[in-house]
Amino acid sequence: MYEEVSWFVYIIRCGNGSLYTGCTNHVINRWRDHCSGKGAKYLRAFPPKELVYLEEQPNQSEACKREYAIKQLSRKQKEALIARLMAKG
């Protein structure tokens, strides 16, 4: 039987204060990859500091679409998205 796998869109705040957006189906493994330098090239240059946003999506396609949409936002809009999540917390 086929098991549905959730996908996640995430935002990482880097050591230099910049925001990196990505998607994955395994957040913990992806975080480890980023921290060890095996993940995105950008995060090799600007190491991750903290995971500040996480949003579940039903599948890879939807996660990629949402990742793209978030990447199109301004920094101010991304910070507002993060603040809304923190307020829910």
N, C-alpha and C. Protein backbone atom coordinates (compact mmCIF):
# COMPACT_ATOMS: atom_id res chain seq x y z
N MET A 1 0.84 -1.18 0.00
CA MET A 1 0.00 0.00 0.00
C MET A 1 0.89 1.25 0.00
N TYR A 2 0.53 2.24 -0.77
CA TYR A 2 1.28 3.48 -0.90
C TYR A 2 0.97 4.41 0.27
N GLU A 3 2.01 4.92 0.90
CA GLU A 3 1.83 5.84 2.02
C GLU A 3 2.10 7.27 1.57
N GLU A 4 1.17 8.17 1.86
CA GLU A 4 1.35 9.58 1.52
C GLU A 4 2.46 10.17 2.39
N VAL A 5 3.31 10.96 1.77
CA VAL A 5 4.39 11.61 2.48
C VAL A 5 4.14 13.11 2.44
N SER A 6 4.15 13.73 3.60
CA SER A 6 3.99 15.18 3.66
C SER A 6 5.27 15.87 3.21
N TRP A 7 5.11 17.02 2.64
CA TRP A 7 6.22 17.87 2.26
C TRP A 7 6.11 19.16 3.05
N PHE A 8 7.22 19.83 3.20
CA PHE A 8 7.27 21.04 4.00
C PHE A 8 8.03 22.14 3.28
N VAL A 9 7.55 23.35 3.44
CA VAL A 9 8.26 24.54 2.98
C VAL A 9 8.82 25.17 4.25
N TYR A 10 10.06 25.61 4.19
CA TYR A 10 10.69 26.16 5.38
C TYR A 10 11.47 27.42 5.05
N ILE A 11 11.68 28.23 6.08
CA ILE A 11 12.54 29.41 5.96
C ILE A 11 13.58 29.31 7.06
N ILE A 12 14.82 29.52 6.68
CA ILE A 12 15.94 29.51 7.62
C ILE A 12 16.51 30.91 7.69
N ARG A 13 16.77 31.36 8.91
CA ARG A 13 17.49 32.62 9.09
C ARG A 13 18.98 32.26 9.16
N CYS A 14 19.75 32.91 8.33
CA CYS A 14 21.19 32.64 8.26
C CYS A 14 21.95 33.51 9.24
N GLY A 15 23.20 33.17 9.46
CA GLY A 15 24.05 33.92 10.38
C GLY A 15 24.19 35.38 10.02
N ASN A 16 24.09 35.70 8.74
CA ASN A 16 24.20 37.10 8.30
C ASN A 16 22.85 37.82 8.32
N GLY A 17 21.80 37.13 8.78
CA GLY A 17 20.47 37.73 8.87
C GLY A 17 19.60 37.51 7.65
N SER A 18 20.15 36.97 6.58
CA SER A 18 19.36 36.72 5.38
C SER A 18 18.41 35.55 5.61
N LEU A 19 17.42 35.42 4.73
CA LEU A 19 16.43 34.35 4.83
C LEU A 19 16.57 33.42 3.63
N TYR A 20 16.61 32.12 3.89
CA TYR A 20 16.69 31.11 2.84
C TYR A 20 15.41 30.29 2.87
N THR A 21 14.80 30.09 1.72
CA THR A 21 13.55 29.31 1.62
C THR A 21 13.81 28.04 0.83
N GLY A 22 13.26 26.93 1.31
CA GLY A 22 13.40 25.66 0.62
C GLY A 22 12.22 24.75 0.91
N CYS A 23 12.27 23.54 0.35
CA CYS A 23 11.23 22.55 0.64
C CYS A 23 11.86 21.17 0.74
N THR A 24 11.22 20.30 1.50
CA THR A 24 11.73 18.96 1.73
C THR A 24 10.62 18.05 2.23
N ASN A 25 10.88 16.77 2.19
CA ASN A 25 9.93 15.82 2.78
C ASN A 25 10.48 15.27 4.10
N HIS A 26 11.67 15.74 4.50
CA HIS A 26 12.23 15.32 5.77
C HIS A 26 13.02 16.48 6.37
N VAL A 27 12.37 17.25 7.21
CA VAL A 27 12.92 18.50 7.73
C VAL A 27 14.21 18.27 8.53
N ILE A 28 14.21 17.30 9.40
CA ILE A 28 15.38 17.07 10.26
C ILE A 28 16.60 16.71 9.43
N ASN A 29 16.45 15.80 8.47
CA ASN A 29 17.58 15.42 7.62
C ASN A 29 18.08 16.61 6.80
N ARG A 30 17.14 17.41 6.30
CA ARG A 30 17.53 18.56 5.48
C ARG A 30 18.27 19.59 6.33
N TRP A 31 17.81 19.83 7.55
CA TRP A 31 18.49 20.75 8.46
C TRP A 31 19.92 20.26 8.71
N ARG A 32 20.08 18.97 8.97
CA ARG A 32 21.42 18.40 9.19
C ARG A 32 22.30 18.60 7.96
N ASP A 33 21.72 18.38 6.78
CA ASP A 33 22.48 18.58 5.55
C ASP A 33 22.95 20.03 5.44
N HIS A 34 22.04 20.96 5.69
CA HIS A 34 22.40 22.38 5.60
C HIS A 34 23.48 22.73 6.61
N CYS A 35 23.36 22.26 7.83
CA CYS A 35 24.33 22.58 8.88
C CYS A 35 25.70 21.96 8.63
N SER A 36 25.73 20.83 7.96
CA SER A 36 27.00 20.16 7.70
C SER A 36 27.64 20.58 6.37
N GLY A 37 26.98 21.49 5.64
CA GLY A 37 27.54 21.96 4.38
C GLY A 37 27.20 21.08 3.19
N LYS A 38 26.31 20.11 3.37
CA LYS A 38 25.92 19.21 2.28
C LYS A 38 24.65 19.68 1.57
N GLY A 39 24.04 20.74 2.07
CA GLY A 39 22.79 21.23 1.50
C GLY A 39 23.04 22.27 0.43
N ALA A 40 22.23 23.28 0.42
CA ALA A 40 22.28 24.33 -0.60
C ALA A 40 23.60 25.10 -0.56
N LYS A 41 24.09 25.48 -1.76
CA LYS A 41 25.33 26.26 -1.86
C LYS A 41 25.24 27.55 -1.07
N TYR A 42 24.09 28.20 -1.12
CA TYR A 42 23.92 29.48 -0.42
C TYR A 42 24.23 29.32 1.06
N LEU A 43 23.79 28.21 1.64
CA LEU A 43 23.98 28.00 3.08
C LEU A 43 25.40 27.55 3.41
N ARG A 44 26.19 27.21 2.42
CA ARG A 44 27.62 26.97 2.67
C ARG A 44 28.33 28.30 2.88
N ALA A 45 27.88 29.31 2.14
CA ALA A 45 28.47 30.65 2.25
C ALA A 45 27.92 31.40 3.46
N PHE A 46 26.64 31.20 3.75
CA PHE A 46 25.97 31.90 4.85
C PHE A 46 25.30 30.84 5.73
N PRO A 47 26.03 30.26 6.66
CA PRO A 47 25.52 29.13 7.45
C PRO A 47 24.20 29.42 8.16
N PRO A 48 23.37 28.37 8.27
CA PRO A 48 22.07 28.52 8.91
C PRO A 48 22.20 28.78 10.40
N LYS A 49 21.32 29.63 10.90
CA LYS A 49 21.30 29.95 12.33
C LYS A 49 20.10 29.30 13.00
N GLU A 50 18.91 29.48 12.39
CA GLU A 50 17.71 28.90 12.98
C GLU A 50 16.62 28.69 11.93
N LEU A 51 15.80 27.68 12.17
CA LEU A 51 14.62 27.44 11.36
C LEU A 51 13.52 28.33 11.92
N VAL A 52 13.01 29.26 11.10
CA VAL A 52 12.05 30.24 11.61
C VAL A 52 10.64 30.07 11.07
N TYR A 53 10.48 29.21 10.07
CA TYR A 53 9.16 29.03 9.47
C TYR A 53 9.05 27.62 8.90
N LEU A 54 7.90 26.99 9.14
CA LEU A 54 7.65 25.65 8.61
C LEU A 54 6.18 25.54 8.27
N GLU A 55 5.90 25.08 7.06
CA GLU A 55 4.53 24.98 6.57
C GLU A 55 4.36 23.64 5.85
N GLU A 56 3.42 22.84 6.30
CA GLU A 56 3.18 21.53 5.69
C GLU A 56 2.39 21.66 4.40
N GLN A 57 2.75 20.84 3.42
CA GLN A 57 2.06 20.78 2.14
C GLN A 57 1.72 19.32 1.84
N PRO A 58 0.68 19.06 1.07
CA PRO A 58 0.24 17.68 0.85
C PRO A 58 1.16 16.84 -0.04
N ASN A 59 1.93 17.51 -0.91
CA ASN A 59 2.79 16.76 -1.83
C ASN A 59 3.92 17.65 -2.34
N GLN A 60 4.83 17.04 -3.08
CA GLN A 60 6.00 17.77 -3.57
C GLN A 60 5.62 18.91 -4.51
N SER A 61 4.67 18.67 -5.37
CA SER A 61 4.25 19.70 -6.32
C SER A 61 3.75 20.95 -5.60
N GLU A 62 2.87 20.76 -4.63
CA GLU A 62 2.34 21.90 -3.88
C GLU A 62 3.43 22.59 -3.07
N ALA A 63 4.35 21.80 -2.53
CA ALA A 63 5.46 22.38 -1.76
C ALA A 63 6.34 23.25 -2.65
N CYS A 64 6.63 22.78 -3.85
CA CYS A 64 7.46 23.55 -4.78
C CYS A 64 6.76 24.84 -5.21
N LYS A 65 5.46 24.75 -5.45
CA LYS A 65 4.68 25.95 -5.81
C LYS A 65 4.70 26.97 -4.68
N ARG A 66 4.52 26.49 -3.45
CA ARG A 66 4.51 27.39 -2.30
C ARG A 66 5.90 27.98 -2.06
N GLU A 67 6.93 27.16 -2.22
CA GLU A 67 8.31 27.65 -2.09
C GLU A 67 8.54 28.80 -3.06
N TYR A 68 8.13 28.61 -4.30
CA TYR A 68 8.30 29.66 -5.32
C TYR A 68 7.54 30.92 -4.92
N ALA A 69 6.31 30.75 -4.44
CA ALA A 69 5.49 31.91 -4.04
C ALA A 69 6.16 32.68 -2.91
N ILE A 70 6.70 31.96 -1.94
CA ILE A 70 7.37 32.63 -0.82
C ILE A 70 8.62 33.34 -1.30
N LYS A 71 9.35 32.73 -2.20
CA LYS A 71 10.57 33.37 -2.72
C LYS A 71 10.27 34.67 -3.47
N GLN A 72 9.05 34.81 -3.95
CA GLN A 72 8.67 36.03 -4.66
C GLN A 72 8.31 37.17 -3.70
N LEU A 73 8.12 36.86 -2.43
CA LEU A 73 7.76 37.88 -1.45
C LEU A 73 8.96 38.77 -1.13
N SER A 74 8.66 39.97 -0.70
CA SER A 74 9.72 40.87 -0.23
C SER A 74 10.19 40.38 1.14
N ARG A 75 11.31 40.89 1.58
CA ARG A 75 11.80 40.51 2.90
C ARG A 75 10.77 40.89 3.97
N LYS A 76 10.18 42.07 3.84
CA LYS A 76 9.18 42.54 4.80
C LYS A 76 8.00 41.57 4.85
N GLN A 77 7.56 41.10 3.71
CA GLN A 77 6.44 40.15 3.65
C GLN A 77 6.83 38.80 4.27
N LYS A 78 8.07 38.36 4.03
CA LYS A 78 8.54 37.11 4.63
C LYS A 78 8.60 37.24 6.15
N GLU A 79 9.08 38.37 6.65
CA GLU A 79 9.14 38.60 8.09
C GLU A 79 7.73 38.60 8.69
N ALA A 80 6.76 39.15 7.97
CA ALA A 80 5.37 39.15 8.43
C ALA A 80 4.82 37.72 8.48
N LEU A 81 5.16 36.92 7.50
CA LEU A 81 4.75 35.52 7.47
C LEU A 81 5.31 34.77 8.69
N ILE A 82 6.58 35.02 8.96
CA ILE A 82 7.24 34.40 10.12
C ILE A 82 6.58 34.86 11.41
N ALA A 83 6.30 36.16 11.51
CA ALA A 83 5.67 36.73 12.72
C ALA A 83 4.28 36.12 12.95
N ARG A 84 3.51 35.92 11.88
CA ARG A 84 2.18 35.31 12.02
C ARG A 84 2.28 33.88 12.57
N LEU A 85 3.27 33.14 12.10
CA LEU A 85 3.46 31.78 12.59
C LEU A 85 3.84 31.80 14.07
N MET A 86 4.72 32.72 14.44
CA MET A 86 5.15 32.82 15.83
C MET A 86 3.98 33.22 16.75
N ALA A 87 3.10 34.07 16.24
CA ALA A 87 1.95 34.51 17.02
C ALA A 87 0.98 33.35 17.28
N LYS A 88 0.89 32.42 16.32
CA LYS A 88 0.02 31.24 16.48
C LYS A 88 0.58 30.30 17.55
N GLY A 89 1.94 30.20 17.54
CA GLY A 89 2.68 29.26 18.36
C GLY A 89 2.28 29.11 19.74
